[in-house]
Amino acid sequence: MSKLSFDETLEKIKTILAENSGVAEMKLEDIKQETQVFGHGGVIIDSLNILDALTGIECEFDFEIPDEDLNEDLFSSVSELANYVYKNGVCGDD
């Protein structure tokens, strides 16, 4: 896979989250960078769909998120999750 920019990574993350949100009418433009992904007040994804979303992210970016990194901070916002994927999945092989 060729290297993606952060913005491209962010858009792919938003698409995966929207597809796995469990909300049929979820639109990509409804997902903002500062939106909390999961947890208290998270409006994008619930506990039933988070594993599907994580699997989608790992498949799309061809890397595995270690269990020790799966914490509240990772899901604090869409941009935080995209930043993690960008640093560890997209640019992690540098």
Foldseek 3Di string as FASTA:
>chain_A
DAFDDLVVLLLQLLVLLQVQQPDVPDDSVVADQQAQCEDVNHDRHYPVRPVVSQVVLCVVLVHHDDPVNPDRQCRRGSSSVSVCCNCCRRVVVD
